[in-house]
């Protein structure tokens, strides 16, 4: 064997290192678990060749115990491992794909509930800062930036720049941490007392803390939904802030491209899946269909007596306005 017709140990070692880095670093253990579970099943069934029939039998058996979304996740992980470790591409098994699609018939994934604009405002204005200040800041940043829970957990003080009139927040993605890619940037403007709450929270940061994480600890049981006494508290999961942010943008009439760019989604389907078809949005659609306006109908009642008749009333940027005057003598 010469260097021309065989691979040196150095090349083999370099190839093995490259292969080991092909799986996602963050969730590699999950991939290994899924792959080893499949290998163990094959050993129990005395399977020697990973044919399409073998994969059909394996996932048919798993379909009895797992929901459709879990099956697809297991399929994705097993597929990646088989390509890397065994050079087998099960994505070319049409019957297997058909089976997985069939398991999803009638299945509807559970989604986190969302917080409405009025609920967010009520919590920020009424919850006691002594008990809920950290959660208020988490809510503000989570809604403003459509943040995932892990993004809030990993957010450090240096990621936020206070420029006086607003906060500029940078959310590093996985590629950015590795030295490439771009951070997702969003801004928190001076609405209500949001900046005041952030600055108050930051001013209370203990001087002896060695790490730079913005949020130092989690207060168990201090839940926004619980405080607001909303039904089905357990349905307000870690994706609540991200879904709420996307829904608020959609309700404000923001197009899907802007929503995708803001939250960092590449897929339109994924982005649309995060938008709750809220009552506010349904009301706007109803007004567009029935009234022919693109804004919600607003009713304003003013009681005026002879002693307090206003000298002038100004209306700006109004269309399709109807005035109903009731004069009582």
Foldseek 3Di string as FASTA:
>chain_A
DDVVPDPDPVVVVVLVVVLVPPDDPVCVVVLVVLQVVLVVVCVVVVHDDPDLVSLQVVLVVVLVPDALVVSVVSVVSNQSCCCSPVVDHCVPNVVNVVVSVVSCVPDDDQAFAADAPVLLVCCLVPPDCVPCLVVNLVLQCCLQQLDFPVQLQPFFPVQWDCPPQKIKGWRDDPQVVVPDDGTQITIRGPDDCNVVSLVVLVVPPDPPDDDGRSDDDDDPPPASCVVVVHPPSVSNDRSHSNLNNLQVCVLVVHDLVVSCSRNVHPDSVVSVVSHDCDPSVVQQVCCCVPVVDNDHDDDDDDDDDPVDDDPDDDDPPDDPDDDDDDDDD
